[in-house]
Amino acid sequence: MQDLAEGVAHFQRGVFPAKAARFQHLATTHRPSTLFISCSDARVIPELITQSEPGELFVIRTAGNLVPAYPSADGVAASIEYAVAVLGVSDIVVCGHSACGAMTALADGHDLAALPAVANWLRHADASWARAACSGPGEDKVSALVRNNVIAQLANLATHPCVVRALAAKTVTLSGWVYDIPTGAVDQLDPVTGRSAALAA
C-alpha cells in the first residue's frame, strides 16, 4: 500500500500540474474515441501501449480479454453499450497478449476445479479453442489460442445490438490486436483470414 500512496503523491506533485488544464477539461467532458478491450493482466497497460492521454480510451479489462456474446446481462455488456450508444466511440479494439494466463490454462488443460468462477468465465473462449484446434501444425498452441481468441471475441462483440447498429451505420470499426510483452510489438489481425501484420514499425 505504501508504494501506491507514494505513487499518488508523485502523481499529484509531478504529473498532475503539467496536465492540469486537460484534467480541468475532462472534469466536464467525457468523449473517448476508442473502446479498448484488453486482458486484466497487470503487464498489459492500454494507455501505456498506445501512449494515450487521459480521456482518450474507454477501457474494459477482463480475464483473457473475453467478451460474452449477446445476450449477456453483465458489466461487460453494459460497458460496451454505454461506450457505443452513449459515448459514440468510433473504434473498438480487442487486444490479446503473449503468455496470457487464461489462454495458457485452456491450452494446457489446467485443472480449474478449485476456481469455479474462472472456469465458468473461460467458457466464453469455447469458440476460440475450436478455432485454435484448426491452426497449422507446429504453431505454438498458446500463441495460436491467443490469436484465435481475439478473432472469436470480435465475433462475440459483433452480436451486441448497439455494435450491430453502429457497424450497419458505419460509425464504428472493429480491430483485433495481439501485444507481445517481451518485445513491445503489436500485431493487427485480419478477422477473416487470421493473418497478422505489424501495426507499427
N, C-alpha and C. Protein backbone atom coordinates (compact mmCIF):
# COMPACT_ATOMS: atom_id res chain seq x y z
N MET A 1 0.81 -1.20 0.00
CA MET A 1 0.00 0.00 0.00
C MET A 1 0.86 1.26 0.00
N GLN A 2 2.00 1.19 0.66
CA GLN A 2 2.89 2.34 0.71
C GLN A 2 3.34 2.76 -0.69
N ASP A 3 3.62 1.77 -1.53
CA ASP A 3 4.02 2.07 -2.91
C ASP A 3 2.93 2.83 -3.64
N LEU A 4 1.67 2.43 -3.42
CA LEU A 4 0.56 3.11 -4.08
C LEU A 4 0.42 4.54 -3.58
N ALA A 5 0.55 4.72 -2.28
CA ALA A 5 0.45 6.07 -1.71
C ALA A 5 1.56 6.96 -2.25
N GLU A 6 2.76 6.41 -2.37
CA GLU A 6 3.88 7.19 -2.92
C GLU A 6 3.62 7.53 -4.38
N GLY A 7 2.99 6.60 -5.11
CA GLY A 7 2.64 6.86 -6.50
C GLY A 7 1.63 7.98 -6.62
N VAL A 8 0.63 8.01 -5.74
CA VAL A 8 -0.36 9.08 -5.74
C VAL A 8 0.32 10.41 -5.46
N ALA A 9 1.22 10.42 -4.49
CA ALA A 9 1.93 11.66 -4.14
C ALA A 9 2.74 12.16 -5.34
N HIS A 10 3.40 11.24 -6.03
CA HIS A 10 4.19 11.63 -7.22
C HIS A 10 3.28 12.18 -8.31
N PHE A 11 2.12 11.52 -8.50
CA PHE A 11 1.16 11.99 -9.50
C PHE A 11 0.71 13.42 -9.17
N GLN A 12 0.36 13.64 -7.93
CA GLN A 12 -0.17 14.95 -7.54
C GLN A 12 0.88 16.06 -7.63
N ARG A 13 2.14 15.71 -7.31
CA ARG A 13 3.20 16.73 -7.31
C ARG A 13 3.89 16.88 -8.66
N GLY A 14 4.14 15.74 -9.35
CA GLY A 14 4.98 15.79 -10.54
C GLY A 14 4.30 15.57 -11.88
N VAL A 15 3.09 15.01 -11.88
CA VAL A 15 2.40 14.70 -13.13
C VAL A 15 1.19 15.61 -13.35
N PHE A 16 0.33 15.68 -12.35
CA PHE A 16 -0.92 16.44 -12.49
C PHE A 16 -0.70 17.90 -12.89
N PRO A 17 0.24 18.61 -12.26
CA PRO A 17 0.39 20.04 -12.60
C PRO A 17 0.62 20.30 -14.09
N ALA A 18 1.37 19.43 -14.76
CA ALA A 18 1.67 19.62 -16.18
C ALA A 18 0.45 19.35 -17.06
N LYS A 19 -0.53 18.63 -16.53
CA LYS A 19 -1.74 18.29 -17.30
C LYS A 19 -2.99 18.89 -16.66
N ALA A 20 -2.81 19.89 -15.82
CA ALA A 20 -3.93 20.44 -15.07
C ALA A 20 -5.04 20.95 -15.98
N ALA A 21 -4.68 21.60 -17.08
CA ALA A 21 -5.69 22.14 -18.00
C ALA A 21 -6.50 21.00 -18.62
N ARG A 22 -5.81 19.90 -18.96
CA ARG A 22 -6.52 18.76 -19.54
C ARG A 22 -7.50 18.17 -18.54
N PHE A 23 -7.07 17.99 -17.30
CA PHE A 23 -7.96 17.43 -16.29
C PHE A 23 -9.13 18.37 -15.99
N GLN A 24 -8.89 19.66 -16.05
CA GLN A 24 -9.97 20.62 -15.87
C GLN A 24 -11.03 20.44 -16.97
N HIS A 25 -10.56 20.24 -18.20
CA HIS A 25 -11.47 20.00 -19.32
C HIS A 25 -12.21 18.67 -19.14
N LEU A 26 -11.49 17.64 -18.70
CA LEU A 26 -12.09 16.32 -18.53
C LEU A 26 -13.10 16.27 -17.39
N ALA A 27 -13.03 17.23 -16.48
CA ALA A 27 -13.97 17.25 -15.36
C ALA A 27 -15.41 17.37 -15.85
N THR A 28 -15.60 17.95 -17.02
CA THR A 28 -16.96 18.14 -17.55
C THR A 28 -17.14 17.53 -18.94
N THR A 29 -16.12 16.86 -19.45
CA THR A 29 -16.19 16.29 -20.80
C THR A 29 -15.68 14.85 -20.79
N HIS A 30 -16.49 13.95 -21.35
CA HIS A 30 -16.07 12.54 -21.44
C HIS A 30 -16.39 12.06 -22.85
N ARG A 31 -15.41 12.16 -23.75
CA ARG A 31 -15.62 11.80 -25.15
C ARG A 31 -14.46 10.96 -25.67
N PRO A 32 -14.25 9.76 -25.14
CA PRO A 32 -13.18 8.91 -25.67
C PRO A 32 -13.50 8.49 -27.10
N SER A 33 -12.48 8.32 -27.91
CA SER A 33 -12.70 7.92 -29.30
C SER A 33 -12.67 6.41 -29.48
N THR A 34 -12.07 5.71 -28.51
CA THR A 34 -11.84 4.27 -28.68
C THR A 34 -12.27 3.48 -27.45
N LEU A 35 -13.00 2.39 -27.70
CA LEU A 35 -13.26 1.39 -26.68
C LEU A 35 -12.15 0.35 -26.81
N PHE A 36 -11.39 0.15 -25.76
CA PHE A 36 -10.24 -0.75 -25.79
C PHE A 36 -10.51 -1.89 -24.82
N ILE A 37 -10.66 -3.10 -25.35
CA ILE A 37 -10.96 -4.27 -24.52
C ILE A 37 -9.69 -5.12 -24.43
N SER A 38 -9.16 -5.23 -23.22
CA SER A 38 -7.90 -5.96 -23.05
C SER A 38 -8.00 -6.91 -21.86
N CYS A 39 -6.94 -7.65 -21.67
CA CYS A 39 -6.87 -8.60 -20.56
C CYS A 39 -6.62 -7.85 -19.25
N SER A 40 -7.05 -8.47 -18.16
CA SER A 40 -6.82 -7.89 -16.83
C SER A 40 -5.36 -8.00 -16.39
N ASP A 41 -4.57 -8.75 -17.12
CA ASP A 41 -3.16 -8.99 -16.79
C ASP A 41 -2.45 -7.67 -16.47
N ALA A 42 -1.77 -7.62 -15.33
CA ALA A 42 -1.10 -6.40 -14.87
C ALA A 42 0.02 -5.94 -15.79
N ARG A 43 0.48 -6.83 -16.68
CA ARG A 43 1.57 -6.46 -17.60
C ARG A 43 1.07 -5.74 -18.84
N VAL A 44 -0.25 -5.69 -19.01
CA VAL A 44 -0.84 -5.09 -20.21
C VAL A 44 -1.53 -3.78 -19.81
N ILE A 45 -0.94 -2.66 -20.19
CA ILE A 45 -1.47 -1.34 -19.82
C ILE A 45 -1.86 -0.62 -21.10
N PRO A 46 -3.15 -0.59 -21.45
CA PRO A 46 -3.58 0.00 -22.72
C PRO A 46 -3.07 1.42 -22.96
N GLU A 47 -3.16 2.27 -21.94
CA GLU A 47 -2.72 3.66 -22.11
C GLU A 47 -1.22 3.76 -22.37
N LEU A 48 -0.45 2.87 -21.77
CA LEU A 48 1.00 2.88 -21.99
C LEU A 48 1.34 2.36 -23.38
N ILE A 49 0.71 1.26 -23.78
CA ILE A 49 0.98 0.66 -25.09
C ILE A 49 0.63 1.63 -26.22
N THR A 50 -0.49 2.33 -26.08
CA THR A 50 -0.95 3.23 -27.14
C THR A 50 -0.50 4.67 -26.95
N GLN A 51 0.15 4.92 -25.81
CA GLN A 51 0.58 6.29 -25.48
C GLN A 51 -0.59 7.26 -25.55
N SER A 52 -1.70 6.85 -24.97
CA SER A 52 -2.90 7.66 -24.96
C SER A 52 -2.95 8.57 -23.74
N GLU A 53 -3.59 9.70 -23.92
CA GLU A 53 -3.77 10.66 -22.84
C GLU A 53 -5.04 10.33 -22.06
N PRO A 54 -5.17 10.82 -20.83
CA PRO A 54 -6.41 10.63 -20.09
C PRO A 54 -7.61 11.11 -20.91
N GLY A 55 -8.67 10.32 -20.91
CA GLY A 55 -9.88 10.69 -21.63
C GLY A 55 -9.97 10.15 -23.04
N GLU A 56 -8.90 9.53 -23.55
CA GLU A 56 -8.91 9.08 -24.94
C GLU A 56 -9.39 7.64 -25.12
N LEU A 57 -9.20 6.81 -24.09
CA LEU A 57 -9.61 5.41 -24.17
C LEU A 57 -10.69 5.10 -23.14
N PHE A 58 -11.70 4.37 -23.56
CA PHE A 58 -12.68 3.79 -22.64
C PHE A 58 -12.28 2.33 -22.53
N VAL A 59 -11.81 1.90 -21.36
CA VAL A 59 -11.16 0.59 -21.23
C VAL A 59 -12.02 -0.41 -20.48
N ILE A 60 -12.14 -1.60 -21.06
CA ILE A 60 -12.73 -2.75 -20.38
C ILE A 60 -11.63 -3.79 -20.26
N ARG A 61 -11.40 -4.26 -19.05
CA ARG A 61 -10.38 -5.30 -18.85
C ARG A 61 -11.04 -6.52 -18.23
N THR A 62 -10.86 -7.65 -18.88
CA THR A 62 -11.41 -8.91 -18.37
C THR A 62 -10.35 -9.99 -18.48
N ALA A 63 -10.47 -11.02 -17.66
CA ALA A 63 -9.55 -12.15 -17.77
C ALA A 63 -9.64 -12.74 -19.17
N GLY A 64 -8.52 -12.77 -19.88
CA GLY A 64 -8.49 -13.33 -21.23
C GLY A 64 -9.08 -12.44 -22.29
N ASN A 65 -9.30 -11.15 -21.97
CA ASN A 65 -9.97 -10.20 -22.88
C ASN A 65 -11.22 -10.82 -23.53
N LEU A 66 -11.99 -11.50 -22.68
CA LEU A 66 -13.19 -12.18 -23.17
C LEU A 66 -14.39 -11.24 -23.21
N VAL A 67 -15.20 -11.39 -24.26
CA VAL A 67 -16.41 -10.59 -24.46
C VAL A 67 -17.58 -11.57 -24.62
N PRO A 68 -18.40 -11.75 -23.59
CA PRO A 68 -19.53 -12.67 -23.74
C PRO A 68 -20.45 -12.22 -24.88
N ALA A 69 -20.88 -13.19 -25.67
CA ALA A 69 -21.81 -12.89 -26.77
C ALA A 69 -23.15 -12.44 -26.19
N TYR A 70 -23.86 -11.63 -26.97
CA TYR A 70 -25.19 -11.18 -26.57
C TYR A 70 -26.18 -12.36 -26.69
N PRO A 71 -27.18 -12.54 -25.81
CA PRO A 71 -27.47 -11.65 -24.70
C PRO A 71 -26.67 -12.01 -23.46
N SER A 72 -26.10 -11.02 -22.85
CA SER A 72 -25.38 -11.22 -21.60
C SER A 72 -25.61 -9.99 -20.74
N ALA A 73 -26.28 -10.18 -19.63
CA ALA A 73 -26.60 -9.06 -18.75
C ALA A 73 -25.49 -8.94 -17.71
N ASP A 74 -24.35 -8.46 -18.14
CA ASP A 74 -23.23 -8.32 -17.22
C ASP A 74 -22.57 -6.96 -17.41
N GLY A 75 -21.54 -6.70 -16.62
CA GLY A 75 -20.84 -5.42 -16.68
C GLY A 75 -20.14 -5.18 -18.00
N VAL A 76 -19.70 -6.24 -18.66
CA VAL A 76 -19.04 -6.09 -19.95
C VAL A 76 -20.04 -5.58 -20.98
N ALA A 77 -21.21 -6.22 -21.04
CA ALA A 77 -22.24 -5.80 -21.99
C ALA A 77 -22.68 -4.37 -21.72
N ALA A 78 -22.84 -4.02 -20.45
CA ALA A 78 -23.26 -2.67 -20.09
C ALA A 78 -22.22 -1.64 -20.51
N SER A 79 -20.95 -1.97 -20.32
CA SER A 79 -19.87 -1.04 -20.69
C SER A 79 -19.77 -0.87 -22.20
N ILE A 80 -19.95 -1.97 -22.94
CA ILE A 80 -19.94 -1.90 -24.41
C ILE A 80 -21.09 -1.01 -24.87
N GLU A 81 -22.27 -1.25 -24.34
CA GLU A 81 -23.45 -0.47 -24.73
C GLU A 81 -23.25 1.01 -24.44
N TYR A 82 -22.72 1.32 -23.28
CA TYR A 82 -22.50 2.73 -22.90
C TYR A 82 -21.48 3.38 -23.82
N ALA A 83 -20.37 2.66 -24.09
CA ALA A 83 -19.31 3.23 -24.93
C ALA A 83 -19.81 3.51 -26.34
N VAL A 84 -20.60 2.59 -26.89
CA VAL A 84 -21.05 2.72 -28.28
C VAL A 84 -22.27 3.63 -28.40
N ALA A 85 -23.29 3.38 -27.58
CA ALA A 85 -24.56 4.09 -27.74
C ALA A 85 -24.58 5.47 -27.10
N VAL A 86 -23.81 5.67 -26.03
CA VAL A 86 -23.83 6.96 -25.34
C VAL A 86 -22.58 7.79 -25.67
N LEU A 87 -21.42 7.19 -25.53
CA LEU A 87 -20.18 7.94 -25.77
C LEU A 87 -19.87 8.07 -27.26
N GLY A 88 -20.40 7.16 -28.07
CA GLY A 88 -20.21 7.24 -29.52
C GLY A 88 -18.79 6.99 -29.98
N VAL A 89 -18.11 5.99 -29.36
CA VAL A 89 -16.75 5.68 -29.79
C VAL A 89 -16.76 5.31 -31.27
N SER A 90 -15.68 5.64 -31.96
CA SER A 90 -15.60 5.34 -33.39
C SER A 90 -14.77 4.10 -33.68
N ASP A 91 -14.02 3.64 -32.69
CA ASP A 91 -13.17 2.45 -32.86
C ASP A 91 -13.30 1.54 -31.65
N ILE A 92 -13.28 0.24 -31.91
CA ILE A 92 -13.24 -0.75 -30.82
C ILE A 92 -12.07 -1.69 -31.11
N VAL A 93 -11.21 -1.84 -30.13
CA VAL A 93 -10.05 -2.73 -30.25
C VAL A 93 -10.18 -3.84 -29.21
N VAL A 94 -10.03 -5.09 -29.65
CA VAL A 94 -9.89 -6.21 -28.73
C VAL A 94 -8.42 -6.61 -28.78
N CYS A 95 -7.75 -6.53 -27.64
CA CYS A 95 -6.30 -6.75 -27.60
C CYS A 95 -5.94 -7.94 -26.71
N GLY A 96 -5.40 -8.98 -27.33
CA GLY A 96 -4.85 -10.10 -26.59
C GLY A 96 -3.37 -9.88 -26.37
N HIS A 97 -2.71 -10.82 -25.70
CA HIS A 97 -1.28 -10.63 -25.44
C HIS A 97 -0.56 -11.96 -25.26
N SER A 98 0.74 -11.90 -25.42
CA SER A 98 1.57 -13.10 -25.26
C SER A 98 1.51 -13.59 -23.82
N ALA A 99 1.71 -14.89 -23.64
CA ALA A 99 1.77 -15.53 -22.32
C ALA A 99 0.54 -15.24 -21.48
N CYS A 100 -0.62 -15.17 -22.10
CA CYS A 100 -1.86 -14.90 -21.38
C CYS A 100 -2.18 -16.08 -20.46
N GLY A 101 -2.39 -15.79 -19.18
CA GLY A 101 -2.65 -16.86 -18.21
C GLY A 101 -3.93 -17.61 -18.50
N ALA A 102 -4.97 -16.88 -18.93
CA ALA A 102 -6.26 -17.53 -19.23
C ALA A 102 -6.12 -18.48 -20.40
N MET A 103 -5.44 -18.01 -21.46
CA MET A 103 -5.27 -18.86 -22.65
C MET A 103 -4.32 -20.02 -22.37
N THR A 104 -3.32 -19.79 -21.52
CA THR A 104 -2.40 -20.86 -21.15
C THR A 104 -3.14 -21.95 -20.38
N ALA A 105 -4.03 -21.53 -19.47
CA ALA A 105 -4.81 -22.51 -18.70
C ALA A 105 -5.64 -23.39 -19.62
N LEU A 106 -6.23 -22.78 -20.64
CA LEU A 106 -7.03 -23.56 -21.59
C LEU A 106 -6.16 -24.45 -22.47
N ALA A 107 -5.10 -23.86 -23.01
CA ALA A 107 -4.24 -24.61 -23.93
C ALA A 107 -3.57 -25.80 -23.26
N ASP A 108 -3.21 -25.62 -21.98
CA ASP A 108 -2.50 -26.68 -21.26
C ASP A 108 -3.45 -27.57 -20.45
N GLY A 109 -4.74 -27.30 -20.53
CA GLY A 109 -5.72 -28.14 -19.82
C GLY A 109 -5.59 -28.10 -18.32
N HIS A 110 -5.34 -26.93 -17.73
CA HIS A 110 -5.20 -26.81 -16.28
C HIS A 110 -6.49 -27.23 -15.58
N ASP A 111 -6.33 -27.85 -14.43
CA ASP A 111 -7.47 -28.23 -13.60
C ASP A 111 -7.97 -26.98 -12.87
N LEU A 112 -9.17 -26.54 -13.19
CA LEU A 112 -9.72 -25.33 -12.60
C LEU A 112 -10.83 -25.63 -11.60
N ALA A 113 -10.83 -26.85 -11.08
CA ALA A 113 -11.88 -27.25 -10.14
C ALA A 113 -11.91 -26.35 -8.90
N ALA A 114 -10.77 -25.88 -8.47
CA ALA A 114 -10.70 -25.01 -7.29
C ALA A 114 -11.01 -23.56 -7.62
N LEU A 115 -11.22 -23.26 -8.91
CA LEU A 115 -11.51 -21.90 -9.35
C LEU A 115 -12.79 -21.91 -10.19
N PRO A 116 -13.93 -22.19 -9.57
CA PRO A 116 -15.17 -22.35 -10.35
C PRO A 116 -15.57 -21.09 -11.11
N ALA A 117 -15.33 -19.92 -10.54
CA ALA A 117 -15.70 -18.68 -11.24
C ALA A 117 -14.83 -18.48 -12.48
N VAL A 118 -13.54 -18.81 -12.36
CA VAL A 118 -12.63 -18.72 -13.50
C VAL A 118 -13.05 -19.72 -14.58
N ALA A 119 -13.32 -20.96 -14.16
CA ALA A 119 -13.72 -21.99 -15.12
C ALA A 119 -14.99 -21.58 -15.86
N ASN A 120 -15.94 -21.01 -15.13
CA ASN A 120 -17.20 -20.58 -15.74
C ASN A 120 -16.96 -19.43 -16.73
N TRP A 121 -16.10 -18.49 -16.35
CA TRP A 121 -15.80 -17.34 -17.23
C TRP A 121 -15.12 -17.80 -18.51
N LEU A 122 -14.22 -18.76 -18.40
CA LEU A 122 -13.46 -19.21 -19.57
C LEU A 122 -14.31 -19.96 -20.59
N ARG A 123 -15.58 -20.27 -20.25
CA ARG A 123 -16.49 -20.85 -21.23
C ARG A 123 -16.67 -19.92 -22.43
N HIS A 124 -16.45 -18.61 -22.20
CA HIS A 124 -16.61 -17.65 -23.28
C HIS A 124 -15.47 -17.75 -24.31
N ALA A 125 -14.53 -18.64 -24.05
CA ALA A 125 -13.45 -18.88 -25.01
C ALA A 125 -13.63 -20.20 -25.74
N ASP A 126 -14.79 -20.83 -25.63
CA ASP A 126 -15.02 -22.12 -26.31
C ASP A 126 -14.80 -22.01 -27.81
N ALA A 127 -15.31 -20.93 -28.42
CA ALA A 127 -15.14 -20.76 -29.87
C ALA A 127 -13.68 -20.53 -30.21
N SER A 128 -12.95 -19.87 -29.31
CA SER A 128 -11.53 -19.62 -29.52
C SER A 128 -10.77 -20.94 -29.57
N TRP A 129 -11.12 -21.82 -28.63
CA TRP A 129 -10.47 -23.13 -28.56
C TRP A 129 -10.75 -23.94 -29.83
N ALA A 130 -11.99 -23.87 -30.32
CA ALA A 130 -12.36 -24.59 -31.53
C ALA A 130 -11.60 -24.05 -32.73
N ARG A 131 -11.45 -22.72 -32.81
CA ARG A 131 -10.70 -22.11 -33.91
C ARG A 131 -9.23 -22.51 -33.85
N ALA A 132 -8.66 -22.48 -32.65
CA ALA A 132 -7.23 -22.78 -32.49
C ALA A 132 -6.92 -24.22 -32.84
N ALA A 133 -7.90 -25.11 -32.65
CA ALA A 133 -7.69 -26.52 -32.97
C ALA A 133 -7.43 -26.72 -34.46
N CYS A 134 -7.85 -25.74 -35.26
CA CYS A 134 -7.65 -25.83 -36.71
C CYS A 134 -6.37 -25.13 -37.16
N SER A 135 -5.55 -24.65 -36.22
CA SER A 135 -4.34 -23.93 -36.58
C SER A 135 -3.33 -24.86 -37.24
N GLY A 136 -2.40 -24.25 -37.93
CA GLY A 136 -1.40 -25.02 -38.65
C GLY A 136 -0.50 -25.84 -37.74
N PRO A 137 0.08 -26.93 -38.27
CA PRO A 137 0.97 -27.77 -37.47
C PRO A 137 2.23 -27.01 -37.08
N GLY A 138 2.73 -27.32 -35.90
CA GLY A 138 3.98 -26.72 -35.44
C GLY A 138 3.82 -25.36 -34.80
N GLU A 139 2.62 -24.80 -34.83
CA GLU A 139 2.41 -23.49 -34.23
C GLU A 139 2.26 -23.63 -32.72
N ASP A 140 2.89 -22.74 -31.96
CA ASP A 140 2.79 -22.76 -30.51
C ASP A 140 1.32 -22.67 -30.12
N LYS A 141 0.85 -23.61 -29.28
CA LYS A 141 -0.58 -23.69 -29.02
C LYS A 141 -1.12 -22.51 -28.23
N VAL A 142 -0.32 -21.95 -27.32
CA VAL A 142 -0.79 -20.79 -26.57
C VAL A 142 -0.90 -19.57 -27.49
N SER A 143 0.13 -19.36 -28.32
CA SER A 143 0.10 -18.23 -29.26
C SER A 143 -1.07 -18.36 -30.23
N ALA A 144 -1.30 -19.57 -30.71
CA ALA A 144 -2.42 -19.79 -31.63
C ALA A 144 -3.75 -19.50 -30.94
N LEU A 145 -3.86 -19.91 -29.69
CA LEU A 145 -5.10 -19.68 -28.96
C LEU A 145 -5.30 -18.19 -28.67
N VAL A 146 -4.22 -17.50 -28.30
CA VAL A 146 -4.31 -16.05 -28.06
C VAL A 146 -4.85 -15.35 -29.30
N ARG A 147 -4.28 -15.67 -30.45
CA ARG A 147 -4.68 -15.02 -31.70
C ARG A 147 -6.12 -15.38 -32.07
N ASN A 148 -6.44 -16.65 -32.01
CA ASN A 148 -7.80 -17.07 -32.36
C ASN A 148 -8.84 -16.57 -31.36
N ASN A 149 -8.41 -16.38 -30.12
CA ASN A 149 -9.33 -15.83 -29.12
C ASN A 149 -9.69 -14.38 -29.45
N VAL A 150 -8.74 -13.60 -29.91
CA VAL A 150 -9.04 -12.22 -30.29
C VAL A 150 -10.09 -12.20 -31.40
N ILE A 151 -9.91 -13.06 -32.39
CA ILE A 151 -10.86 -13.11 -33.51
C ILE A 151 -12.24 -13.56 -33.04
N ALA A 152 -12.26 -14.56 -32.16
CA ALA A 152 -13.55 -15.06 -31.64
C ALA A 152 -14.25 -13.99 -30.81
N GLN A 153 -13.49 -13.21 -30.05
CA GLN A 153 -14.11 -12.16 -29.23
C GLN A 153 -14.62 -11.01 -30.08
N LEU A 154 -13.97 -10.75 -31.21
CA LEU A 154 -14.50 -9.75 -32.16
C LEU A 154 -15.86 -10.22 -32.68
N ALA A 155 -15.97 -11.52 -32.95
CA ALA A 155 -17.24 -12.08 -33.41
C ALA A 155 -18.31 -11.96 -32.33
N ASN A 156 -17.93 -12.22 -31.08
CA ASN A 156 -18.87 -12.07 -29.97
C ASN A 156 -19.32 -10.61 -29.84
N LEU A 157 -18.36 -9.72 -29.96
CA LEU A 157 -18.65 -8.29 -29.85
C LEU A 157 -19.69 -7.87 -30.88
N ALA A 158 -19.58 -8.42 -32.07
CA ALA A 158 -20.48 -8.07 -33.17
C ALA A 158 -21.88 -8.64 -33.02
N THR A 159 -22.16 -9.37 -31.90
CA THR A 159 -23.52 -9.84 -31.64
C THR A 159 -24.31 -8.85 -30.79
N HIS A 160 -23.63 -7.86 -30.21
CA HIS A 160 -24.30 -6.90 -29.34
C HIS A 160 -25.09 -5.90 -30.20
N PRO A 161 -26.37 -5.70 -29.92
CA PRO A 161 -27.20 -4.86 -30.77
C PRO A 161 -26.64 -3.47 -31.03
N CYS A 162 -26.06 -2.83 -30.03
CA CYS A 162 -25.51 -1.48 -30.24
C CYS A 162 -24.36 -1.52 -31.24
N VAL A 163 -23.57 -2.59 -31.20
CA VAL A 163 -22.46 -2.73 -32.14
C VAL A 163 -22.98 -3.05 -33.53
N VAL A 164 -24.00 -3.92 -33.60
CA VAL A 164 -24.62 -4.25 -34.89
C VAL A 164 -25.12 -2.97 -35.57
N ARG A 165 -25.80 -2.12 -34.81
CA ARG A 165 -26.33 -0.88 -35.37
C ARG A 165 -25.21 0.06 -35.81
N ALA A 166 -24.17 0.17 -35.00
CA ALA A 166 -23.06 1.06 -35.34
C ALA A 166 -22.30 0.57 -36.56
N LEU A 167 -22.14 -0.75 -36.68
CA LEU A 167 -21.47 -1.31 -37.87
C LEU A 167 -22.31 -1.06 -39.11
N ALA A 168 -23.64 -1.23 -38.99
CA ALA A 168 -24.52 -1.00 -40.13
C ALA A 168 -24.49 0.46 -40.57
N ALA A 169 -24.35 1.35 -39.60
CA ALA A 169 -24.30 2.78 -39.91
C ALA A 169 -22.89 3.25 -40.28
N LYS A 170 -21.92 2.31 -40.18
CA LYS A 170 -20.52 2.61 -40.49
C LYS A 170 -19.97 3.73 -39.61
N THR A 171 -20.38 3.71 -38.34
CA THR A 171 -19.89 4.70 -37.39
C THR A 171 -18.85 4.13 -36.44
N VAL A 172 -18.59 2.82 -36.58
CA VAL A 172 -17.58 2.19 -35.73
C VAL A 172 -16.81 1.16 -36.54
N THR A 173 -15.54 0.99 -36.20
CA THR A 173 -14.72 -0.08 -36.80
C THR A 173 -14.18 -0.97 -35.69
N LEU A 174 -14.05 -2.25 -36.01
CA LEU A 174 -13.53 -3.24 -35.05
C LEU A 174 -12.14 -3.67 -35.47
N SER A 175 -11.24 -3.77 -34.50
CA SER A 175 -9.87 -4.21 -34.77
C SER A 175 -9.43 -5.21 -33.73
N GLY A 176 -8.61 -6.18 -34.16
CA GLY A 176 -8.03 -7.16 -33.25
C GLY A 176 -6.53 -7.02 -33.20
N TRP A 177 -5.99 -6.92 -32.00
CA TRP A 177 -4.55 -6.77 -31.81
C TRP A 177 -4.01 -7.87 -30.91
N VAL A 178 -2.72 -8.15 -31.08
CA VAL A 178 -2.01 -9.02 -30.13
C VAL A 178 -0.72 -8.29 -29.74
N TYR A 179 -0.56 -8.08 -28.45
CA TYR A 179 0.60 -7.38 -27.88
C TYR A 179 1.60 -8.41 -27.37
N ASP A 180 2.86 -8.26 -27.79
CA ASP A 180 3.92 -9.16 -27.37
C ASP A 180 4.70 -8.50 -26.23
N ILE A 181 4.57 -9.03 -25.03
CA ILE A 181 5.14 -8.39 -23.84
C ILE A 181 6.66 -8.21 -23.93
N PRO A 182 7.45 -9.24 -24.29
CA PRO A 182 8.91 -9.06 -24.24
C PRO A 182 9.50 -8.14 -25.31
N THR A 183 8.77 -7.91 -26.40
CA THR A 183 9.33 -7.08 -27.48
C THR A 183 8.60 -5.75 -27.65
N GLY A 184 7.38 -5.64 -27.10
CA GLY A 184 6.59 -4.44 -27.30
C GLY A 184 5.88 -4.38 -28.64
N ALA A 185 6.05 -5.42 -29.46
CA ALA A 185 5.43 -5.44 -30.79
C ALA A 185 3.91 -5.62 -30.66
N VAL A 186 3.18 -4.99 -31.57
CA VAL A 186 1.73 -5.15 -31.64
C VAL A 186 1.36 -5.55 -33.06
N ASP A 187 0.69 -6.69 -33.19
CA ASP A 187 0.22 -7.16 -34.49
C ASP A 187 -1.27 -6.92 -34.61
N GLN A 188 -1.69 -6.55 -35.82
CA GLN A 188 -3.12 -6.42 -36.11
C GLN A 188 -3.55 -7.66 -36.86
N LEU A 189 -4.71 -8.20 -36.49
CA LEU A 189 -5.20 -9.45 -37.08
C LEU A 189 -6.28 -9.18 -38.11
N ASP A 190 -6.25 -9.95 -39.17
CA ASP A 190 -7.35 -9.95 -40.13
C ASP A 190 -8.39 -10.92 -39.59
N PRO A 191 -9.61 -10.43 -39.22
CA PRO A 191 -10.59 -11.32 -38.60
C PRO A 191 -11.11 -12.43 -39.51
N VAL A 192 -10.91 -12.29 -40.81
CA VAL A 192 -11.38 -13.31 -41.75
C VAL A 192 -10.33 -14.40 -41.96
N THR A 193 -9.11 -13.97 -42.28
CA THR A 193 -8.04 -14.94 -42.58
C THR A 193 -7.24 -15.35 -41.36
N GLY A 194 -7.27 -14.52 -40.31
CA GLY A 194 -6.46 -14.79 -39.13
C GLY A 194 -5.02 -14.36 -39.29
N ARG A 195 -4.66 -13.85 -40.46
CA ARG A 195 -3.27 -13.42 -40.68
C ARG A 195 -2.98 -12.18 -39.87
N SER A 196 -1.71 -12.03 -39.47
CA SER A 196 -1.33 -10.88 -38.67
C SER A 196 -0.26 -10.06 -39.39
N ALA A 197 -0.25 -8.77 -39.09
CA ALA A 197 0.77 -7.87 -39.64
C ALA A 197 1.10 -6.84 -38.56
N ALA A 198 2.36 -6.42 -38.55
CA ALA A 198 2.78 -5.46 -37.55
C ALA A 198 1.95 -4.18 -37.67
N LEU A 199 1.47 -3.69 -36.53
CA LEU A 199 0.66 -2.48 -36.53
C LEU A 199 1.53 -1.26 -36.80
N ALA A 200 2.75 -1.26 -36.26
CA ALA A 200 3.67 -0.15 -36.45
C ALA A 200 5.09 -0.68 -36.52
N ALA A 201 5.93 0.01 -37.30
CA ALA A 201 7.33 -0.42 -37.43
C ALA A 201 8.14 0.13 -36.30
